[in-house]
Structures are given as structure tokens and as C-alpha cells.
């Protein structure tokens, strides 16, 4: 290679050859180098002193030029680019110096996943969340965390498209059948959809894979306490509480299980414990609202719901489930949630949970 010639090569597996890009400042320089079994083909032209390239998960190619320009090509078959960064005033481009390397964020999709979660659970802005989910999956269509969270928080919790969310999680599990997180997420979604036997089966599979995960524990409780076999949960949740510090979510589920089995006095005792704890420690007002409703304390439940809206409690998405609380049937419910500008679908009366 001469000083004025720059060569970039990528492997072409079908042809068992190397594809090289040979460039001069301002134009392309052909080479006379020949090796049996190899060929040189122009991939990108019109570049000026390219120094390095990286491939994005979605197939786009990022090329850096020595001067400090960073260009993105849509794929290796398209010789048009977009300049995404101009660092020429920040780069010492002289002789053998310049922009000589770049690195891609290994968690590129995770940033947009985080933005989507904020838009969903804090801003309650479905349109902004959808745009962020789409961008995350555009960057990495196979990212299991982004796909799982989108299935739960966007498709299930926000849009209540339960069957679509289930299908998406099945696709995630097909790619990674040993993911406890994916099986637990599918279980929670199936619980929201009222498919409790399937939800319990997925929760048990998740527990086989990772019994220490709280999401796995919650998936099993969610499958039984709010729509499955509440009697089993009355016996099992106390053991889970001893291992999980009497977690408020588990307490909430125990109150629901007590109420569904006719032990309203015990449901009220669970509410009393959580209410007392909230005076010296933080308990999500959504959890208090749901627990109060299962204890038959509607007005207190509505008061906690107002507080949840006031502080924009992320757990409010739990009300997307028609089975978790009958509070959503209260005449005041939608007016209170109007402060979030977040619309829940209207379920038939028979689909709502009954305390």
C-alpha cells in the first residue's frame, strides 16, 4: 500500500473472497494486485481517507474519515450515505494523525429502551414511547430485552393488545428458550390476559431457570392471586414473604388472595399492615389503592389512586389488567386518571376483578 492509497477489505463468504475498497482522496484507484481465489470489488466510493468502519446490528455501516467526518451507509449494497457527525474542528488531521478509530455503544438499543420506559411509566406518553421502542428495535431488531419490555410495557400495559404481546414473547423465547426473564415476562402478560393456567406454567418454567429472581416470584404470584387458584396463594405467599422482606407487591397479592377466598378480615389486616408501613417507609400508592380495594375500602382506595396520579406512580400500569382490581369500575376512576392523559381500554363488566 502506498502512502496515498487506503484499502478496506471485508470478507465475502459466498464467493470465498475478500471485497476491498481502494480509495484516493477524491477518487478510486484500481489495483493490479491479483491473487488466485480472491477478487476486489468497490463497496463504497466517494470517501476521503476512510480509516475505519463498524457494522450496526440493523445492517447499517458506520465509516469514519481521517478528517473527522462520520458517515452512515444504509447497507453494504447502497453507495449513498448520511453524515451523522462532523468532528473536523475537534480532530488534529495532519500527516498520519486524525480520526483513526471509532467504537459503537455495545448497549445502543438499551438507551432508547430506557427512554421508552420513561415515556411509558413516568410521562404516560404512549406516542413518545412507541417512537422510542421503534427506534430501539430499529437499532437492534434482535435485542431480547428491548423486545421483552416492549411486549410488556407497550403492547400489553399501554395498548392492552394481550394476544399480540403473547405472540411477541413467544418469538423472544424461541430465540432464547433458557431466559428466565422472558418466561416470567410471558407469564405476567398471560396473567393480564386472564390465561391463568398458561401463566402459571410459564412461571414454573421461569422458576426452574432462576428461582432467585423476584420477577420470577412475582410472575407466579400474579398468575394465582388475582385470577388463578387463590387458595394455593394463601398458603404459598407467606413463605415467599419471609424470603423477600414482606415485599409490598407480595402483600398486595396476599390481600387479593384472602379476599377472593372469602377471608375479608385477613385482607383488611394485610391492608392495615401496608397502610401503617407507609407512614414510616415508602409504599407505592398504587399498591395501597389496590390492597385497600380488595379489603373493601373503596374511598381510601380512591384517595391512594389520586396520590398515585399526583406523583405519577409507574405502578399505575397495573390497572391495565382487568383482573387486578375492581377499582377500575368505580365511577371516579377514569376522571382521576384523566390527569395523566392516559386512556385505558373499556372492558366488559364481567372482565373486571371483583373484591
Protein backbone atom coordinates (compact mmCIF):
# COMPACT_ATOMS: atom_id res chain seq x y z
CA UNK A 1 0.00 0.00 0.00
CA UNK A 2 1.43 3.39 -0.95
CA UNK A 3 1.08 6.44 1.29
CA UNK A 4 -1.70 7.85 -0.91
CA UNK A 5 -3.74 4.65 -1.09
CA UNK A 6 -6.18 3.39 1.55
CA UNK A 7 -7.64 -0.10 1.45
CA UNK A 8 -10.57 -1.53 3.42
CA UNK A 9 -11.45 -5.18 2.95
CA UNK A 10 -14.43 -7.21 4.13
CA UNK A 11 -14.97 -10.94 3.71
CA UNK A 12 -17.46 -12.16 1.11
CA UNK A 13 -18.34 -15.67 2.31
CA UNK A 14 -20.43 -16.89 -0.66
CA UNK A 15 -17.55 -16.16 -3.04
CA UNK A 16 -14.84 -17.12 -0.57
CA UNK A 17 -13.19 -13.84 -1.45
CA UNK A 18 -12.23 -10.54 0.10
CA UNK A 19 -14.01 -7.41 -1.01
CA UNK A 20 -11.68 -4.42 -0.90
CA UNK A 21 -12.40 -0.72 -1.08
CA UNK A 22 -9.48 1.18 -2.58
CA UNK A 23 -9.67 4.93 -2.40
CA UNK A 24 -7.69 8.01 -3.18
CA UNK A 25 -8.58 11.50 -1.98
CA UNK A 26 -11.29 12.46 -4.44
CA UNK A 27 -11.46 9.20 -6.37
CA UNK A 28 -10.98 5.48 -6.75
CA UNK A 29 -7.62 3.85 -7.55
CA UNK A 30 -7.62 0.45 -9.25
CA UNK A 31 -5.08 -2.10 -8.12
CA UNK A 32 -3.01 -4.55 -10.09
CA UNK A 33 -2.68 -6.95 -7.17
CA UNK A 34 -4.08 -10.36 -8.10
CA UNK A 35 -4.26 -13.49 -6.01
CA UNK A 36 -5.91 -16.74 -7.16
CA UNK A 37 -9.24 -17.24 -5.40
CA UNK A 38 -9.59 -13.58 -4.44
CA UNK A 39 -11.26 -10.59 -6.07
CA UNK A 40 -11.51 -6.88 -5.30
CA UNK A 41 -14.84 -5.09 -5.60
CA UNK A 42 -15.74 -1.50 -4.80
CA UNK A 43 -18.27 -1.32 -1.96
CA UNK A 44 -18.32 2.39 -1.12
CA UNK A 45 -16.86 5.14 -3.29
CA UNK A 46 -16.59 8.89 -2.90
CA UNK A 47 -14.92 8.72 0.50
CA UNK A 48 -11.89 10.74 1.51
CA UNK A 49 -9.27 8.87 3.53
CA UNK A 50 -11.58 6.42 5.31
CA UNK A 51 -9.85 4.97 8.35
CA UNK A 52 -12.26 2.52 9.97
CA UNK A 53 -15.76 1.11 9.75
CA UNK A 54 -18.22 -0.59 12.08
CA UNK A 55 -21.44 -2.52 11.46
CA UNK A 56 -24.65 -1.72 13.33
CA UNK A 57 -26.98 -4.62 14.32
CA UNK A 58 -29.55 -3.48 11.74
CA UNK A 59 -27.05 -3.78 8.86
CA UNK A 60 -26.03 -0.14 8.56
CA UNK A 61 -22.35 0.65 8.16
CA UNK A 62 -20.58 3.46 10.02
CA UNK A 63 -17.46 4.78 8.26
CA UNK A 64 -15.03 7.27 9.78
CA UNK A 65 -12.82 9.52 7.68
CA UNK A 66 -9.42 10.74 8.80
CA UNK A 67 -10.61 14.37 8.77
CA UNK A 68 -13.26 13.71 11.43
CA UNK A 69 -16.39 13.09 9.34
CA UNK A 70 -18.51 10.08 10.31
CA UNK A 71 -20.82 8.73 7.65
CA UNK A 72 -23.51 6.05 7.78
CA UNK A 73 -24.46 3.86 4.83
CA UNK A 74 -27.80 2.01 4.95
CA UNK A 75 -26.15 -1.29 3.97
CA UNK A 76 -23.18 -2.64 2.01
CA UNK A 77 -25.16 -2.53 -1.22
CA UNK A 78 -26.06 1.18 -1.18
CA UNK A 79 -23.43 3.76 -2.07
CA UNK A 80 -25.21 6.73 -0.51
CA UNK A 81 -24.55 8.00 2.99
CA UNK A 82 -25.63 10.40 5.68
CA UNK A 83 -23.12 12.46 7.64
CA UNK A 84 -24.03 11.83 11.27
CA UNK A 85 -21.14 13.70 12.91
CA UNK A 86 -18.68 16.37 11.82
CA UNK A 87 -15.71 16.39 14.18
CA UNK A 88 -13.30 18.18 11.86
CA UNK A 89 -12.83 21.06 14.27
CA UNK A 90 -12.07 18.57 17.07
CA UNK A 91 -9.62 16.32 15.18
CA UNK A 92 -5.91 17.01 14.59
CA UNK A 93 -5.87 15.95 10.94
CA UNK A 94 -2.22 16.18 9.93
CA UNK A 95 0.10 13.64 8.27
CA UNK A 96 -0.59 10.29 9.98
CA UNK A 97 -2.86 11.84 12.63
CA UNK A 98 -6.61 12.17 12.53
CA UNK A 99 -9.75 10.22 13.43
CA UNK A 100 -8.25 6.73 13.37
CA UNK A 101 -10.84 4.69 15.24
CA UNK A 102 -14.44 4.60 16.46
CA UNK A 103 -16.38 2.29 18.77
CA UNK A 104 -20.10 1.61 18.83
CA UNK A 105 -22.03 1.69 22.07
CA UNK A 106 -22.49 -2.01 22.98
CA UNK A 107 -25.85 -1.09 24.54
CA UNK A 108 -27.07 1.08 21.69
CA UNK A 109 -30.67 -0.17 21.84
CA UNK A 110 -30.75 -0.01 25.65
CA UNK A 111 -30.69 3.80 25.65
CA UNK A 112 -33.87 4.04 23.61
CA UNK A 113 -35.41 1.25 25.68
CA UNK A 114 -34.80 3.40 28.77
CA UNK A 115 -36.37 6.41 27.01
CA UNK A 116 -39.39 4.28 26.14
CA UNK A 117 -39.81 3.16 29.75
CA UNK A 118 -39.66 6.76 30.97
CA UNK A 119 -42.24 7.81 28.37
CA UNK A 120 -44.48 4.90 29.38
CA UNK A 121 -44.21 4.86 33.17
CA UNK A 122 -43.36 8.46 34.09
CA UNK A 123 -44.67 10.68 31.29
CA UNK A 124 -47.53 8.32 30.32
CA UNK A 125 -47.00 9.46 26.74
CA UNK A 126 -47.85 6.50 24.52
CA UNK A 127 -46.85 8.16 21.24
CA UNK A 128 -43.41 9.13 22.51
CA UNK A 129 -42.94 5.67 24.00
CA UNK A 130 -43.86 3.95 20.73
CA UNK A 131 -41.36 6.09 18.82
CA UNK A 132 -38.61 5.14 21.29
CA UNK A 133 -39.49 1.43 21.16
CA UNK A 134 -39.44 1.55 17.36
CA UNK A 135 -36.04 3.25 17.40
CA UNK A 136 -34.60 0.71 19.84
CA UNK A 137 -35.69 -2.19 17.66
CA UNK A 138 -34.56 -0.40 14.51
CA UNK A 139 -31.07 -0.27 16.00
CA UNK A 140 -31.14 -3.90 17.11
CA UNK A 141 -34.16 -5.94 15.95
CA UNK A 142 -33.00 -9.00 17.90
CA UNK A 143 -32.31 -7.32 21.27
CA UNK A 144 -34.16 -9.62 23.72
CA UNK A 145 -34.51 -7.04 26.48
CA UNK A 146 -35.96 -4.38 24.18
CA UNK A 147 -38.39 -6.88 22.63
CA UNK A 148 -39.47 -8.28 26.00
CA UNK A 149 -40.00 -4.88 27.57
CA UNK A 150 -41.85 -3.58 24.54
CA UNK A 151 -44.16 -6.61 24.66
CA UNK A 152 -44.91 -5.94 28.33
CA UNK A 153 -44.90 -2.16 28.68
CA UNK A 154 -46.06 -1.05 25.23
CA UNK A 155 -48.17 -3.82 23.74
CA UNK A 156 -49.62 -5.19 26.99
CA UNK A 157 -49.65 -2.45 29.65
CA UNK A 158 -50.24 0.54 27.34
CA UNK A 159 -52.32 -0.85 24.49
CA UNK A 160 -53.84 -3.93 26.16
CA UNK A 161 -53.20 -5.95 22.99
CA UNK A 162 -52.67 -9.06 25.08
CA UNK A 163 -52.60 -11.65 22.28
CA UNK A 164 -50.09 -9.61 20.30
CA UNK A 165 -47.90 -9.29 23.40
CA UNK A 166 -48.06 -13.05 23.96
CA UNK A 167 -47.03 -13.72 20.35
CA UNK A 168 -44.09 -11.32 20.68
CA UNK A 169 -42.87 -13.04 23.84
CA UNK A 170 -43.15 -16.46 22.18
CA UNK A 171 -40.87 -15.12 19.43
CA UNK A 172 -38.36 -13.91 22.05
CA UNK A 173 -38.41 -17.30 23.81
CA UNK A 174 -37.93 -19.11 20.51
CA UNK A 175 -34.61 -17.28 20.15
CA UNK A 176 -33.61 -17.77 23.81
CA UNK A 177 -35.56 -20.63 25.40
CA UNK A 178 -33.41 -20.58 28.56
CA UNK A 179 -34.22 -16.98 29.51
CA UNK A 180 -35.96 -16.92 32.88
CA UNK A 181 -36.71 -13.24 32.31
CA UNK A 182 -38.55 -13.99 29.06
CA UNK A 183 -40.62 -16.82 30.55
CA UNK A 184 -41.50 -14.69 33.59
CA UNK A 185 -42.48 -11.75 31.39
CA UNK A 186 -44.68 -14.02 29.29
CA UNK A 187 -46.28 -15.33 32.48
CA UNK A 188 -47.14 -11.81 33.67
CA UNK A 189 -48.63 -10.92 30.28
CA UNK A 190 -50.70 -14.13 30.24
CA UNK A 191 -51.93 -13.19 33.73
CA UNK A 192 -53.04 -9.79 32.44
CA UNK A 193 -54.87 -11.60 29.64
CA UNK A 194 -56.66 -13.87 32.14
CA UNK A 195 -54.97 -17.01 30.80
CA UNK A 196 -54.02 -18.12 34.29
CA UNK A 197 -53.19 -21.80 33.68
CA UNK A 198 -50.77 -20.84 30.93
CA UNK A 199 -49.38 -18.06 33.11
CA UNK A 200 -48.69 -20.49 35.95
CA UNK A 201 -46.98 -22.96 33.60
CA UNK A 202 -44.65 -20.23 32.31
CA UNK A 203 -43.95 -19.05 35.86
CA UNK A 204 -42.94 -22.57 36.90
CA UNK A 205 -40.65 -22.83 33.88
CA UNK A 206 -39.08 -19.50 34.83
CA UNK A 207 -38.56 -20.74 38.39
CA UNK A 208 -36.76 -23.82 37.06
CA UNK A 209 -34.37 -21.48 35.25
CA UNK A 210 -33.83 -18.89 38.00
CA UNK A 211 -35.60 -19.30 41.32
CA UNK A 212 -33.79 -16.30 42.84
CA UNK A 213 -35.32 -13.66 40.52
CA UNK A 214 -38.04 -11.53 42.10
CA UNK A 215 -39.70 -11.14 38.70
CA UNK A 216 -39.98 -14.93 38.60
CA UNK A 217 -41.52 -14.94 42.07
CA UNK A 218 -43.93 -12.18 41.10
CA UNK A 219 -44.95 -13.95 37.88
CA UNK A 220 -46.10 -16.97 39.88
CA UNK A 221 -47.97 -14.85 42.42
CA UNK A 222 -49.57 -12.74 39.70
CA UNK A 223 -50.80 -15.90 37.96
CA UNK A 224 -52.55 -17.20 41.07
CA UNK A 225 -53.56 -14.38 43.38
CA UNK A 226 -55.62 -12.24 41.01
CA UNK A 227 -57.26 -14.82 38.74
CA UNK A 228 -55.92 -18.33 39.36
CA UNK A 229 -56.15 -20.58 42.40
CA UNK A 230 -56.28 -18.08 45.25
CA UNK A 231 -56.35 -20.85 47.90
CA UNK A 232 -52.91 -22.03 46.79
CA UNK A 233 -51.61 -18.48 47.00
CA UNK A 234 -52.94 -18.08 50.56
CA UNK A 235 -50.68 -20.97 51.54
CA UNK A 236 -47.67 -20.13 49.37
CA UNK A 237 -47.29 -16.33 49.61
CA UNK A 238 -46.44 -16.29 53.36
CA UNK A 239 -43.37 -18.43 52.61
CA UNK A 240 -42.40 -16.07 49.80
CA UNK A 241 -42.79 -13.09 52.14
CA UNK A 242 -40.21 -14.49 54.55
CA UNK A 243 -37.70 -14.76 51.71
CA UNK A 244 -38.47 -11.37 50.12
CA UNK A 245 -38.71 -8.99 53.09
CA UNK A 246 -42.51 -8.80 53.07
CA UNK A 247 -42.38 -7.06 49.73
CA UNK A 248 -45.40 -4.74 49.27
CA UNK A 249 -46.32 -6.34 45.92
CA UNK A 250 -46.50 -9.76 47.58
CA UNK A 251 -48.53 -8.28 50.43
CA UNK A 252 -50.91 -6.77 47.89
CA UNK A 253 -51.29 -10.16 46.20
CA UNK A 254 -51.88 -11.86 49.56
CA UNK A 255 -54.66 -9.38 50.31
CA UNK A 256 -56.26 -10.19 46.94
CA UNK A 257 -55.97 -13.94 47.58
CA UNK A 258 -57.53 -13.59 51.05
CA UNK A 259 -60.39 -11.53 49.63
CA UNK A 260 -61.04 -13.97 46.79
CA UNK A 261 -61.21 -16.89 49.23
CA UNK A 262 -63.69 -15.05 51.46
CA UNK A 263 -61.30 -14.07 54.26
CA UNK A 264 -62.08 -10.36 54.14
CA UNK A 265 -60.88 -9.80 57.70
CA UNK A 266 -57.41 -11.08 56.73
CA UNK A 267 -57.45 -8.96 53.57
CA UNK A 268 -58.17 -5.99 55.82
CA UNK A 269 -55.28 -6.98 58.13
CA UNK A 270 -52.91 -7.00 55.15
CA UNK A 271 -54.12 -3.54 54.18
CA UNK A 272 -53.67 -2.32 57.76
CA UNK A 273 -50.05 -3.52 57.77
CA UNK A 274 -49.22 -1.84 54.47
CA UNK A 275 -51.00 1.36 55.46
CA UNK A 276 -49.06 1.52 58.74
CA UNK A 277 -45.79 0.81 56.95
CA UNK A 278 -46.44 3.64 54.51
CA UNK A 279 -46.30 6.11 57.41
CA UNK A 280 -42.63 5.30 58.11
CA UNK A 281 -41.48 3.89 54.76
CA UNK A 282 -42.34 4.31 51.08
CA UNK A 283 -45.09 2.09 49.72
CA UNK A 284 -46.31 2.81 46.22
CA UNK A 285 -49.75 4.44 46.42
CA UNK A 286 -50.95 2.19 43.58
CA UNK A 287 -50.17 -0.83 45.76
CA UNK A 288 -52.06 0.75 48.65
CA UNK A 289 -55.00 1.57 46.38
CA UNK A 290 -55.30 -2.00 45.07
CA UNK A 291 -54.87 -3.50 48.56
CA UNK A 292 -57.49 -1.14 50.02
CA UNK A 293 -59.94 -2.07 47.28
CA UNK A 294 -59.52 -5.80 47.94
CA UNK A 295 -60.12 -5.02 51.63
CA UNK A 296 -63.42 -3.34 50.73
CA UNK A 297 -62.23 0.21 51.45
CA UNK A 298 -63.26 1.96 48.24
CA UNK A 299 -62.91 5.58 49.39
CA UNK A 300 -59.45 5.00 50.82
CA UNK A 301 -58.52 3.22 47.62
CA UNK A 302 -59.62 6.23 45.56
CA UNK A 303 -57.58 8.51 47.81
CA UNK A 304 -54.45 6.46 47.17
CA UNK A 305 -55.23 6.42 43.45
CA UNK A 306 -55.32 10.22 43.43
CA UNK A 307 -51.96 10.23 45.18
CA UNK A 308 -50.58 7.77 42.61
CA UNK A 309 -51.62 10.10 39.79
CA UNK A 310 -50.20 13.10 41.62
CA UNK A 311 -46.72 11.57 41.92
CA UNK A 312 -47.01 9.69 38.59
CA UNK A 313 -46.50 6.31 40.21
CA UNK A 314 -45.22 3.91 37.49
CA UNK A 315 -47.19 1.03 39.04
CA UNK A 316 -50.41 2.62 37.75
CA UNK A 317 -49.92 0.50 34.64
CA UNK A 318 -51.17 -2.41 36.80
CA UNK A 319 -54.70 -1.11 36.25
CA UNK A 320 -54.40 -2.17 32.63
CA UNK A 321 -55.20 -5.64 33.90
CA UNK A 322 -58.97 -6.16 34.17
CA UNK A 323 -58.33 -8.76 36.88
CA UNK A 324 -56.05 -7.00 39.35
CA UNK A 325 -58.58 -4.64 40.91
CA UNK A 326 -62.25 -3.79 40.68
CA UNK A 327 -61.30 -0.18 41.39
CA UNK A 328 -61.31 0.47 37.67
CA UNK A 329 -65.11 0.02 37.74
CA UNK A 330 -65.53 2.96 40.15
CA UNK A 331 -67.33 5.95 38.55
CA UNK A 332 -64.48 8.24 39.66
CA UNK A 333 -61.71 6.07 38.22
CA UNK A 334 -61.38 7.50 34.72
CA UNK A 335 -61.78 11.07 35.88
CA UNK A 336 -58.89 10.59 38.30
CA UNK A 337 -56.65 9.04 35.64
CA UNK A 338 -57.50 11.86 33.24
CA UNK A 339 -54.76 13.82 34.96
CA UNK A 340 -52.26 11.52 33.27
CA UNK A 341 -53.77 11.86 29.79
CA UNK A 342 -53.61 8.07 29.63
CA UNK A 343 -56.59 6.13 28.31
CA UNK A 344 -57.30 2.58 29.45
CA UNK A 345 -59.48 0.41 27.23
CA UNK A 346 -63.03 -0.19 28.41
CA UNK A 347 -63.50 -3.85 29.41
CA UNK A 348 -66.82 -5.59 29.73
CA UNK A 349 -68.18 -5.60 33.30
CA UNK A 350 -67.58 -9.34 33.63
CA UNK A 351 -63.90 -8.90 32.87
CA UNK A 352 -63.20 -6.65 35.85
CA UNK A 353 -61.88 -8.11 39.09
CA UNK A 354 -64.31 -8.29 41.97
CA UNK A 355 -63.17 -7.68 45.51
